[in-house]
Amino acid sequence: MAVEDRTLGKGARKERSSHRVNVNFSGDAYKVLTDIAERKGQTVSGVLRDALALEKLYDETILQNGRILVEREDGSLREVIRP
């Protein structure tokens, strides 16, 4: 997102290095999020950044006609399919 930088003069733009986002979660979803953060020793923001990275990987893979597979402990493979 470009923002106006008044120190560079009228109309000058520079990219922000970080952005604040407000998100509403149900109580159950927020508990899942905080449980994951606690288990991984991360912040809630860190868990959300990881989730976004996985979503990007999934999206790019599907766009290239690829598949995401999960290997179970017994060696069996399951395909991740989302609606």
Protein backbone atom coordinates (compact mmCIF):
# COMPACT_ATOMS: atom_id res chain seq x y z
CA MET A 1 0.00 0.00 0.00
CA ALA A 2 1.42 3.35 -0.99
CA VAL A 3 1.04 6.21 1.45
CA GLU A 4 1.75 9.87 0.98
CA ASP A 5 5.04 10.95 2.52
CA ARG A 6 4.79 14.62 3.42
CA THR A 7 8.56 14.82 3.99
CA LEU A 8 9.16 14.04 0.30
CA GLY A 9 6.81 16.73 -0.97
CA LYS A 10 3.20 16.89 -2.08
CA GLY A 11 2.06 13.78 -3.89
CA ALA A 12 5.24 11.79 -3.17
CA ARG A 13 4.60 8.17 -2.28
CA LYS A 14 6.56 5.49 -0.47
CA GLU A 15 5.69 1.93 0.45
CA ARG A 16 4.88 1.10 4.06
CA SER A 17 6.96 -1.69 5.57
CA SER A 18 4.13 -3.02 7.74
CA HIS A 19 0.39 -2.64 8.04
CA ARG A 20 -2.05 -2.94 10.91
CA VAL A 21 -5.16 -5.02 10.24
CA ASN A 22 -8.19 -5.49 12.48
CA VAL A 23 -9.89 -8.88 12.18
CA ASN A 24 -12.91 -10.27 14.02
CA PHE A 25 -12.85 -13.97 14.99
CA SER A 26 -15.48 -16.10 16.67
CA GLY A 27 -14.56 -17.22 20.17
CA ASP A 28 -13.82 -20.74 18.93
CA ALA A 29 -11.62 -19.53 16.06
CA TYR A 30 -9.72 -17.18 18.37
CA LYS A 31 -9.09 -20.02 20.83
CA VAL A 32 -7.67 -22.17 18.02
CA LEU A 33 -5.44 -19.27 16.96
CA THR A 34 -4.14 -18.60 20.48
CA ASP A 35 -3.66 -22.33 21.18
CA ILE A 36 -1.51 -22.65 18.05
CA ALA A 37 0.47 -19.53 18.98
CA GLU A 38 1.12 -20.84 22.49
CA ARG A 39 2.10 -24.34 21.28
CA LYS A 40 4.53 -22.89 18.71
CA GLY A 41 5.86 -20.15 20.98
CA GLN A 42 4.74 -17.48 18.51
CA THR A 43 2.58 -14.43 18.55
CA VAL A 44 -0.91 -14.49 17.08
CA SER A 45 0.43 -12.26 14.30
CA GLY A 46 3.18 -14.78 13.60
CA VAL A 47 0.64 -17.60 13.31
CA LEU A 48 -1.44 -15.50 10.91
CA ARG A 49 1.65 -14.71 8.80
CA ASP A 50 2.43 -18.45 8.62
CA ALA A 51 -1.18 -19.18 7.62
CA LEU A 52 -0.98 -16.56 4.89
CA ALA A 53 2.25 -18.10 3.57
CA LEU A 54 0.56 -21.53 3.44
CA GLU A 55 -2.47 -20.05 1.67
CA LYS A 56 -0.15 -18.45 -0.89
CA LEU A 57 1.65 -21.77 -1.44
CA TYR A 58 -1.66 -23.59 -1.84
CA ASP A 59 -3.07 -20.99 -4.23
CA GLU A 60 0.06 -20.87 -6.41
CA THR A 61 0.25 -24.66 -6.53
CA ILE A 62 -3.40 -25.07 -7.55
CA LEU A 63 -3.05 -22.30 -10.18
CA GLN A 64 -0.21 -24.34 -11.73
CA ASN A 65 -2.43 -27.48 -11.76
CA GLY A 66 -0.47 -28.96 -8.87
CA ARG A 67 -1.61 -30.81 -5.76
CA ILE A 68 -0.81 -30.50 -2.05
CA LEU A 69 -0.21 -33.89 -0.43
CA VAL A 70 0.16 -34.75 3.25
CA GLU A 71 2.10 -37.85 4.21
CA ARG A 72 0.84 -39.60 7.32
CA GLU A 73 3.05 -41.38 9.84
CA ASP A 74 2.12 -44.74 8.25
CA GLY A 75 3.35 -43.51 4.85
CA SER A 76 -0.10 -43.02 3.35
CA LEU A 77 -0.72 -39.88 1.32
CA ARG A 78 -3.78 -37.63 1.53
CA GLU A 79 -4.53 -34.79 -0.84
CA VAL A 80 -5.52 -31.44 0.67
CA ILE A 81 -8.76 -30.35 -1.01
CA ARG A 82 -10.50 -27.12 -0.13
CA PRO A 83 -13.87 -25.78 -1.22
